[in-house]
Structure formats: C-alpha cells, structure tokens
N, C-alpha and C. Protein backbone atom coordinates (compact mmCIF):
# COMPACT_ATOMS: atom_id res chain seq x y z
N MET A 1 93.16 63.55 104.42
CA MET A 1 93.91 62.32 104.47
C MET A 1 94.80 62.35 105.71
N LYS A 2 94.90 61.25 106.37
CA LYS A 2 95.75 61.12 107.55
C LYS A 2 97.16 60.72 107.13
N ALA A 3 98.13 61.23 107.87
CA ALA A 3 99.53 60.87 107.66
C ALA A 3 100.18 60.73 109.03
N ILE A 4 101.29 60.03 109.07
CA ILE A 4 102.05 59.89 110.31
C ILE A 4 103.37 60.61 110.10
N SER A 5 103.67 61.53 111.01
CA SER A 5 104.88 62.32 110.94
C SER A 5 106.11 61.44 111.11
N GLU A 6 107.05 61.55 110.17
CA GLU A 6 108.33 60.86 110.31
C GLU A 6 109.16 61.54 111.39
N LEU A 7 108.85 62.78 111.69
CA LEU A 7 109.59 63.57 112.67
C LEU A 7 109.17 63.23 114.10
N THR A 8 107.85 63.15 114.34
CA THR A 8 107.34 62.96 115.69
C THR A 8 106.65 61.62 115.92
N GLY A 9 106.26 60.95 114.84
CA GLY A 9 105.51 59.70 114.95
C GLY A 9 104.03 59.92 115.21
N LYS A 10 103.61 61.19 115.28
CA LYS A 10 102.20 61.51 115.55
C LYS A 10 101.40 61.58 114.26
N GLU A 11 100.14 61.23 114.35
CA GLU A 11 99.23 61.31 113.20
C GLU A 11 98.75 62.75 113.04
N TYR A 12 98.62 63.18 111.79
CA TYR A 12 98.07 64.50 111.49
C TYR A 12 97.21 64.44 110.24
N GLU A 13 96.35 65.42 110.11
CA GLU A 13 95.45 65.52 108.97
C GLU A 13 96.11 66.43 107.92
N THR A 14 96.39 65.88 106.74
CA THR A 14 97.08 66.65 105.72
C THR A 14 96.26 67.85 105.23
N ASP A 15 94.94 67.74 105.27
CA ASP A 15 94.08 68.84 104.84
C ASP A 15 94.19 70.05 105.76
N ASP A 16 94.69 69.84 106.98
CA ASP A 16 94.85 70.93 107.94
C ASP A 16 96.26 71.52 107.92
N CYS A 17 97.07 71.09 106.95
CA CYS A 17 98.47 71.49 106.92
C CYS A 17 98.84 72.21 105.64
N HIS A 18 99.92 72.97 105.73
CA HIS A 18 100.49 73.66 104.58
C HIS A 18 101.89 73.10 104.39
N PHE A 19 102.25 72.77 103.16
CA PHE A 19 103.51 72.13 102.84
C PHE A 19 104.42 73.14 102.13
N PHE A 20 105.61 73.35 102.67
CA PHE A 20 106.55 74.35 102.14
C PHE A 20 107.82 73.69 101.64
N GLY A 21 108.31 74.16 100.51
CA GLY A 21 109.63 73.79 100.04
C GLY A 21 110.65 74.88 100.32
N ASN A 22 110.18 76.01 100.81
CA ASN A 22 111.05 77.16 101.06
C ASN A 22 111.66 77.03 102.46
N ALA A 23 112.96 76.71 102.51
CA ALA A 23 113.64 76.50 103.79
C ALA A 23 113.74 77.79 104.60
N LYS A 24 113.96 78.92 103.96
CA LYS A 24 114.06 80.18 104.70
C LYS A 24 112.74 80.54 105.35
N GLN A 25 111.65 80.41 104.62
CA GLN A 25 110.34 80.71 105.17
C GLN A 25 110.02 79.75 106.31
N SER A 26 110.34 78.49 106.14
CA SER A 26 110.08 77.50 107.18
C SER A 26 110.90 77.78 108.42
N ALA A 27 112.16 78.16 108.26
CA ALA A 27 112.99 78.51 109.42
C ALA A 27 112.42 79.72 110.15
N ALA A 28 111.96 80.71 109.39
CA ALA A 28 111.36 81.89 110.01
C ALA A 28 110.11 81.50 110.79
N TYR A 29 109.25 80.69 110.21
CA TYR A 29 108.04 80.25 110.90
C TYR A 29 108.40 79.56 112.21
N LYS A 30 109.41 78.67 112.17
CA LYS A 30 109.82 77.95 113.38
C LYS A 30 110.36 78.93 114.43
N LEU A 31 111.19 79.87 114.01
CA LEU A 31 111.73 80.87 114.94
C LEU A 31 110.64 81.75 115.53
N TRP A 32 109.56 81.96 114.78
CA TRP A 32 108.44 82.79 115.24
C TRP A 32 107.42 81.98 116.04
N GLY A 33 107.71 80.73 116.34
CA GLY A 33 106.86 79.96 117.23
C GLY A 33 105.97 78.90 116.62
N ALA A 34 106.01 78.72 115.31
CA ALA A 34 105.18 77.69 114.68
C ALA A 34 105.75 76.31 114.99
N ALA A 35 104.86 75.35 115.17
CA ALA A 35 105.28 73.97 115.41
C ALA A 35 105.50 73.26 114.07
N LEU A 36 106.65 72.65 113.91
CA LEU A 36 106.93 71.86 112.72
C LEU A 36 106.23 70.52 112.88
N ILE A 37 105.26 70.24 112.02
CA ILE A 37 104.45 69.03 112.11
C ILE A 37 105.18 67.83 111.52
N ASP A 38 105.87 68.06 110.40
CA ASP A 38 106.57 66.97 109.73
C ASP A 38 107.67 67.56 108.85
N LEU A 39 108.61 66.71 108.50
CA LEU A 39 109.70 67.05 107.59
C LEU A 39 109.84 65.87 106.65
N ILE A 40 109.62 66.13 105.36
CA ILE A 40 109.56 65.06 104.37
C ILE A 40 110.67 65.23 103.35
N ALA A 41 111.43 64.18 103.11
CA ALA A 41 112.45 64.19 102.06
C ALA A 41 111.82 63.73 100.76
N THR A 42 112.11 64.44 99.67
CA THR A 42 111.55 64.08 98.36
C THR A 42 112.56 63.28 97.54
N ASP A 43 112.08 62.69 96.47
CA ASP A 43 112.95 61.97 95.54
C ASP A 43 113.94 62.90 94.85
N GLU A 44 113.62 64.19 94.84
CA GLU A 44 114.50 65.19 94.22
C GLU A 44 115.55 65.70 95.20
N MET A 45 115.65 65.04 96.38
CA MET A 45 116.63 65.40 97.41
C MET A 45 116.37 66.79 97.97
N ARG A 46 115.10 67.10 98.19
CA ARG A 46 114.69 68.36 98.79
C ARG A 46 113.85 68.06 100.02
N TRP A 47 113.78 69.05 100.90
CA TRP A 47 112.95 68.93 102.10
C TRP A 47 111.63 69.63 101.90
N ILE A 48 110.57 69.04 102.41
CA ILE A 48 109.26 69.67 102.50
C ILE A 48 108.95 69.84 103.98
N PHE A 49 108.67 71.07 104.37
CA PHE A 49 108.38 71.40 105.75
C PHE A 49 106.87 71.51 105.92
N VAL A 50 106.32 70.89 106.96
CA VAL A 50 104.88 70.85 107.15
C VAL A 50 104.51 71.62 108.42
N PHE A 51 103.64 72.62 108.24
CA PHE A 51 103.11 73.42 109.34
C PHE A 51 101.58 73.40 109.25
N THR A 52 100.93 73.74 110.34
CA THR A 52 99.47 73.82 110.28
C THR A 52 99.05 75.03 109.44
N LYS A 53 97.89 74.92 108.84
CA LYS A 53 97.35 76.06 108.09
C LYS A 53 97.11 77.25 109.01
N ALA A 54 96.75 76.97 110.27
CA ALA A 54 96.53 78.05 111.24
C ALA A 54 97.83 78.83 111.48
N ASP A 55 98.95 78.13 111.67
CA ASP A 55 100.23 78.83 111.84
C ASP A 55 100.58 79.61 110.58
N HIS A 56 100.34 79.00 109.42
CA HIS A 56 100.61 79.70 108.15
C HIS A 56 99.79 80.98 108.05
N GLN A 57 98.51 80.90 108.38
CA GLN A 57 97.64 82.08 108.33
C GLN A 57 98.15 83.18 109.26
N ASN A 58 98.60 82.78 110.45
CA ASN A 58 99.07 83.75 111.44
C ASN A 58 100.41 84.39 111.08
N LEU A 59 101.23 83.69 110.30
CA LEU A 59 102.59 84.16 110.07
C LEU A 59 102.89 84.61 108.64
N LYS A 60 101.99 84.35 107.69
CA LYS A 60 102.33 84.69 106.30
C LYS A 60 102.50 86.19 106.08
N ALA A 61 101.72 87.02 106.75
CA ALA A 61 101.88 88.48 106.60
C ALA A 61 103.21 88.93 107.17
N LYS A 62 103.58 88.37 108.31
CA LYS A 62 104.88 88.70 108.92
C LYS A 62 106.01 88.30 107.95
N TRP A 63 105.90 87.13 107.33
CA TRP A 63 106.89 86.69 106.37
C TRP A 63 106.95 87.66 105.18
N ASN A 64 105.81 88.02 104.65
CA ASN A 64 105.79 88.92 103.49
C ASN A 64 106.36 90.30 103.81
N ASN A 65 106.23 90.73 105.06
CA ASN A 65 106.76 92.04 105.48
C ASN A 65 108.21 91.99 105.90
N ASN A 66 108.74 90.81 106.18
CA ASN A 66 110.10 90.67 106.70
C ASN A 66 110.94 89.68 105.92
N LYS A 67 110.69 89.50 104.65
CA LYS A 67 111.43 88.50 103.88
C LYS A 67 112.92 88.70 104.07
N MET A 68 113.58 87.60 104.31
CA MET A 68 115.02 87.64 104.60
C MET A 68 115.83 87.30 103.38
C-alpha cells in the first residue's frame, strides 16, 4: 500500500517499511544512520516511527547487542 509521509511529503510503500513504537530504538536507528521515512501520531497520543525494512535488517542486531 502506498502512503505519503507527513514528515517529508514523499510517497513510500508501506510493505517496504517497519513501524516502531519504541522511541529509544528509533532514536538509536536514526543516530546509526537510518533514514526516518515517516512519523505518525496515533489516537493514543503516541508516535510511530517508520524506517525501511532494509535499515531495520541492518540495525536490529546492533540494537539487540547495545540496548540502552
């Protein structure tokens, strides 16, 4: 499914993305070089951070080894 980023205005494919509610993990991914694709506010007043599945694959082991 296609979506338009509220953050950048660019279109992206949701099937190619991973959606995170974990702010610490998302901050770590961003600091480690992952591009934030979108940032979505929920009705529950929480943020959902959107990264590509490729970035998630590349960084999930680093996250698991360095949990903050």
